[in-house]
């Protein structure tokens, strides 16, 4: 958890440098500006803003469904163990914990451990077989979360492409001896958020892949990174929209 928090902080610290360097990514330092190119630029940036708002809405939905999926995580070993417990109804005799072990699955389920404790000698082999390839799964929202995540990533890519391939603008921030260079602008703040939400978008798939083996720990880290990226993109849109 701390590793990803530190990474995001470092990204925030370096974001202003990144924002300042973006103009130098152009191949031509003084591109020709025509009426047609300005019209095309305005059109692409309008679509960029619409795509950005769509991406933000999808990202919010993805995060909300991800939170639901995280809360419904359970170990598949407990699922199989519940079947083994149902096949041994004698374990229920004078033992209220039997019903607890058969309660709806969640991250705190005890079915597998209970199955081992009821008869360690005979059940140890099955218990360790269940635990050998321990996997976590979400009872709800898992598939919807994945589909929303893919849609969000696709829209994020489209949004970035619309901005990157738009023609250059006329530089109105002219420096002179009286006013000096302009240090802050909404566009500058908009670009300064790019490293944060970009880093978040790139980290999320890897964290999602780890949930199957690491369960709630990886899910919690994914939630933090996902909401941090969503917050950065919200700021990026707010500073140029209002």
Protein backbone atom coordinates (compact mmCIF):
# COMPACT_ATOMS: atom_id res chain seq x y z
CA UNK A 1 0.00 0.00 0.00
CA UNK A 2 2.74 2.47 0.92
CA UNK A 3 4.58 1.72 -2.31
CA UNK A 4 1.67 2.89 -4.44
CA UNK A 5 0.99 5.89 -2.22
CA UNK A 6 4.61 7.02 -2.52
CA UNK A 7 4.52 6.46 -6.27
CA UNK A 8 1.46 8.66 -6.67
CA UNK A 9 3.01 11.37 -4.49
CA UNK A 10 6.15 11.30 -6.65
CA UNK A 11 3.99 11.55 -9.75
CA UNK A 12 2.25 14.59 -8.29
CA UNK A 13 5.59 16.19 -7.41
CA UNK A 14 6.90 15.80 -10.96
CA UNK A 15 3.64 16.67 -12.70
CA UNK A 16 4.47 20.36 -13.11
CA UNK A 17 7.70 19.49 -14.89
CA UNK A 18 5.79 17.18 -17.19
CA UNK A 19 3.21 19.85 -17.94
CA UNK A 20 5.93 22.30 -18.90
CA UNK A 21 7.65 19.80 -21.16
CA UNK A 22 4.61 18.83 -23.24
CA UNK A 23 5.06 21.60 -25.84
CA UNK A 24 8.54 20.31 -26.61
CA UNK A 25 7.12 16.94 -27.69
CA UNK A 26 6.10 18.56 -30.96
CA UNK A 27 8.39 17.74 -33.89
CA UNK A 28 8.10 21.25 -35.29
CA UNK A 29 8.81 23.95 -32.66
CA UNK A 30 7.00 26.57 -34.81
CA UNK A 31 4.20 24.75 -36.63
CA UNK A 32 2.27 26.74 -39.22
CA UNK A 33 -1.16 27.80 -37.99
CA UNK A 34 -3.99 28.21 -40.49
CA UNK A 35 -7.68 28.93 -40.23
CA UNK A 36 -8.40 25.33 -41.16
CA UNK A 37 -6.02 23.95 -38.53
CA UNK A 38 -7.57 26.15 -35.82
CA UNK A 39 -11.04 24.97 -36.81
CA UNK A 40 -9.88 21.35 -36.72
CA UNK A 41 -8.18 21.96 -33.36
CA UNK A 42 -11.36 23.41 -31.87
CA UNK A 43 -13.40 20.49 -33.18
CA UNK A 44 -10.99 17.86 -31.81
CA UNK A 45 -10.71 19.55 -28.42
CA UNK A 46 -14.50 19.75 -28.13
CA UNK A 47 -14.62 16.01 -28.72
CA UNK A 48 -11.71 15.64 -26.29
CA UNK A 49 -13.79 17.31 -23.59
CA UNK A 50 -16.85 15.17 -24.33
CA UNK A 51 -14.73 12.01 -24.35
CA UNK A 52 -13.09 13.10 -21.10
CA UNK A 53 -16.45 13.53 -19.37
CA UNK A 54 -17.53 10.13 -20.68
CA UNK A 55 -14.30 8.59 -19.41
CA UNK A 56 -14.80 10.19 -16.01
CA UNK A 57 -18.36 8.82 -15.76
CA UNK A 58 -17.16 5.34 -16.73
CA UNK A 59 -14.26 5.57 -14.26
CA UNK A 60 -16.68 6.48 -11.46
CA UNK A 61 -18.94 3.54 -12.33
CA UNK A 62 -15.90 1.24 -12.50
CA UNK A 63 -14.70 2.34 -9.05
CA UNK A 64 -18.16 1.92 -7.49
CA UNK A 65 -18.59 -1.55 -8.93
CA UNK A 66 -15.04 -2.39 -7.90
CA UNK A 67 -15.85 -1.45 -4.31
CA UNK A 68 -18.88 -3.77 -4.40
CA UNK A 69 -16.77 -6.60 -5.83
CA UNK A 70 -14.10 -6.04 -3.18
CA UNK A 71 -16.63 -6.31 -0.37
CA UNK A 72 -17.95 -9.61 -1.76
CA UNK A 73 -14.58 -11.38 -2.07
CA UNK A 74 -14.39 -14.94 -0.75
CA UNK A 75 -11.96 -17.84 -0.85
CA UNK A 76 -12.87 -20.62 -3.23
CA UNK A 77 -11.47 -23.09 -0.72
CA UNK A 78 -14.28 -22.09 1.63
CA UNK A 79 -16.82 -22.65 -1.14
CA UNK A 80 -15.58 -26.21 -1.73
CA UNK A 81 -15.29 -26.81 2.01
CA UNK A 82 -18.95 -25.95 2.48
CA UNK A 83 -19.80 -28.75 0.06
CA UNK A 84 -17.66 -31.13 2.12
CA UNK A 85 -19.41 -30.03 5.30
CA UNK A 86 -22.84 -30.68 3.76
CA UNK A 87 -21.57 -34.17 2.91
CA UNK A 88 -20.76 -34.68 6.64
CA UNK A 89 -23.93 -33.67 8.51
CA UNK A 90 -22.67 -35.48 11.62
CA UNK A 91 -20.41 -32.48 12.26
CA UNK A 92 -23.50 -30.44 13.12
CA UNK A 93 -24.28 -32.50 16.25
CA UNK A 94 -24.19 -30.19 19.27
CA UNK A 95 -22.00 -27.70 17.40
CA UNK A 96 -23.48 -24.28 16.50
CA UNK A 97 -20.27 -23.41 14.60
CA UNK A 98 -21.42 -25.79 11.87
CA UNK A 99 -24.07 -23.29 10.82
CA UNK A 100 -21.57 -20.44 11.06
CA UNK A 101 -19.26 -22.30 8.68
CA UNK A 102 -22.17 -22.69 6.25
CA UNK A 103 -23.16 -19.02 6.38
CA UNK A 104 -23.01 -16.94 3.13
CA UNK A 105 -19.48 -16.72 1.80
CA UNK A 106 -17.38 -13.62 2.41
CA UNK A 107 -13.75 -12.72 3.12
CA UNK A 108 -14.15 -13.86 6.75
CA UNK A 109 -15.63 -17.29 6.02
CA UNK A 110 -14.26 -20.15 8.13
CA UNK A 111 -15.58 -23.19 6.26
CA UNK A 112 -12.18 -24.61 5.26
CA UNK A 113 -10.58 -24.08 8.67
CA UNK A 114 -13.64 -25.50 10.42
CA UNK A 115 -13.54 -28.57 8.18
CA UNK A 116 -9.91 -29.20 9.20
CA UNK A 117 -10.55 -28.70 12.92
CA UNK A 118 -13.46 -31.13 13.02
CA UNK A 119 -11.23 -34.04 12.05
CA UNK A 120 -7.58 -33.04 11.54
CA UNK A 121 -6.38 -36.58 10.97
CA UNK A 122 -8.76 -37.47 8.16
CA UNK A 123 -9.38 -34.03 6.71
CA UNK A 124 -5.85 -32.63 6.55
CA UNK A 125 -5.19 -33.99 3.06
CA UNK A 126 -8.32 -32.42 1.59
CA UNK A 127 -7.70 -29.17 3.47
CA UNK A 128 -4.16 -28.73 2.12
CA UNK A 129 -5.34 -29.70 -1.37
CA UNK A 130 -7.91 -26.88 -1.20
CA UNK A 131 -5.33 -24.41 0.08
CA UNK A 132 -2.59 -25.42 -2.36
CA UNK A 133 -3.98 -23.18 -5.11
CA UNK A 134 -5.91 -20.68 -3.07
CA UNK A 135 -7.98 -18.29 -5.17
CA UNK A 136 -10.22 -15.35 -4.39
CA UNK A 137 -13.41 -14.57 -6.24
CA UNK A 138 -16.10 -11.90 -6.09
CA UNK A 139 -19.69 -12.97 -5.52
CA UNK A 140 -21.12 -9.89 -7.25
CA UNK A 141 -20.10 -7.10 -9.63
CA UNK A 142 -16.89 -8.83 -10.70
CA UNK A 143 -17.77 -9.26 -14.38
CA UNK A 144 -19.47 -5.86 -14.59
CA UNK A 145 -16.41 -4.25 -13.01
CA UNK A 146 -14.11 -5.85 -15.60
CA UNK A 147 -16.31 -4.77 -18.51
CA UNK A 148 -16.51 -1.22 -17.19
CA UNK A 149 -12.74 -1.16 -16.69
CA UNK A 150 -12.15 -2.12 -20.33
CA UNK A 151 -14.62 0.52 -21.50
CA UNK A 152 -12.93 3.13 -19.30
CA UNK A 153 -9.49 2.28 -20.63
CA UNK A 154 -10.74 2.46 -24.22
CA UNK A 155 -12.36 5.87 -23.70
CA UNK A 156 -9.25 7.09 -21.85
CA UNK A 157 -7.12 6.16 -24.87
CA UNK A 158 -9.51 7.91 -27.27
CA UNK A 159 -9.56 11.01 -25.05
CA UNK A 160 -5.77 11.20 -24.98
CA UNK A 161 -5.53 10.66 -28.73
CA UNK A 162 -7.94 13.49 -29.50
CA UNK A 163 -5.77 15.92 -27.53
CA UNK A 164 -2.40 14.67 -28.73
CA UNK A 165 -3.25 14.75 -32.44
CA UNK A 166 -5.01 18.11 -32.40
CA UNK A 167 -3.17 20.86 -34.34
CA UNK A 168 -1.11 23.42 -32.43
CA UNK A 169 -2.64 26.70 -31.29
CA UNK A 170 -1.43 30.25 -31.60
CA UNK A 171 0.68 31.09 -28.55
CA UNK A 172 -1.16 33.93 -26.77
CA UNK A 173 0.96 33.80 -23.63
CA UNK A 174 3.56 36.19 -24.97
CA UNK A 175 6.28 37.19 -22.53
CA UNK A 176 7.28 40.82 -22.19
CA UNK A 177 9.32 42.89 -19.85
CA UNK A 178 6.26 44.22 -18.00
CA UNK A 179 4.26 41.09 -17.21
CA UNK A 180 6.93 38.40 -17.40
CA UNK A 181 6.13 34.72 -18.08
CA UNK A 182 2.75 33.31 -17.14
CA UNK A 183 3.29 30.68 -14.45
CA UNK A 184 -0.21 29.24 -14.02
CA UNK A 185 -3.17 28.67 -16.33
CA UNK A 186 -6.09 26.20 -16.42
CA UNK A 187 -4.38 24.36 -19.27
CA UNK A 188 -1.20 24.08 -17.20
CA UNK A 189 -3.20 22.60 -14.27
CA UNK A 190 -5.01 20.30 -16.69
CA UNK A 191 -1.71 18.94 -18.02
CA UNK A 192 -0.19 18.73 -14.54
CA UNK A 193 -2.76 16.06 -13.61
CA UNK A 194 -1.79 13.83 -16.53
CA UNK A 195 1.04 11.89 -14.77
CA UNK A 196 -1.25 11.03 -11.85
CA UNK A 197 -4.25 9.68 -13.73
CA UNK A 198 -2.01 8.10 -16.36
CA UNK A 199 0.05 6.29 -13.69
CA UNK A 200 -3.17 5.16 -12.05
CA UNK A 201 -4.58 3.84 -15.32
CA UNK A 202 -1.37 1.89 -15.99
CA UNK A 203 -1.16 0.44 -12.47
CA UNK A 204 -4.77 -0.76 -12.22
CA UNK A 205 -4.61 -3.79 -14.57
CA UNK A 206 -1.65 -5.25 -12.68
CA UNK A 207 -3.35 -4.77 -9.34
CA UNK A 208 -6.51 -6.37 -10.68
CA UNK A 209 -4.55 -9.43 -11.82
CA UNK A 210 -3.13 -9.83 -8.30
CA UNK A 211 -6.52 -9.97 -6.58
CA UNK A 212 -7.08 -13.61 -7.52
CA UNK A 213 -4.06 -14.64 -5.43
CA UNK A 214 -3.75 -11.86 -2.84
CA UNK A 215 -7.42 -11.10 -2.27
CA UNK A 216 -8.45 -8.11 -0.11
CA UNK A 217 -4.92 -6.69 0.15
CA UNK A 218 -4.57 -6.20 -3.62
CA UNK A 219 -8.22 -5.11 -3.86
CA UNK A 220 -7.62 -2.39 -1.25
CA UNK A 221 -4.56 -1.13 -3.11
CA UNK A 222 -6.55 -1.14 -6.34
CA UNK A 223 -9.29 0.93 -4.70
CA UNK A 224 -6.79 3.54 -3.50
CA UNK A 225 -5.07 3.83 -6.89
CA UNK A 226 -8.39 3.88 -8.73
CA UNK A 227 -9.85 6.68 -6.62
CA UNK A 228 -6.60 8.67 -6.77
CA UNK A 229 -6.64 8.49 -10.56
CA UNK A 230 -10.31 9.41 -10.67
CA UNK A 231 -9.64 12.42 -8.43
CA UNK A 232 -6.78 13.61 -10.63
CA UNK A 233 -8.87 13.33 -13.77
CA UNK A 234 -11.77 15.12 -12.07
CA UNK A 235 -9.47 18.06 -11.29
CA UNK A 236 -8.11 18.01 -14.85
CA UNK A 237 -11.64 18.35 -16.25
CA UNK A 238 -12.89 20.83 -13.68
CA UNK A 239 -10.12 23.38 -14.29
CA UNK A 240 -10.90 23.64 -18.00
CA UNK A 241 -14.68 23.24 -17.81
CA UNK A 242 -15.55 25.84 -15.19
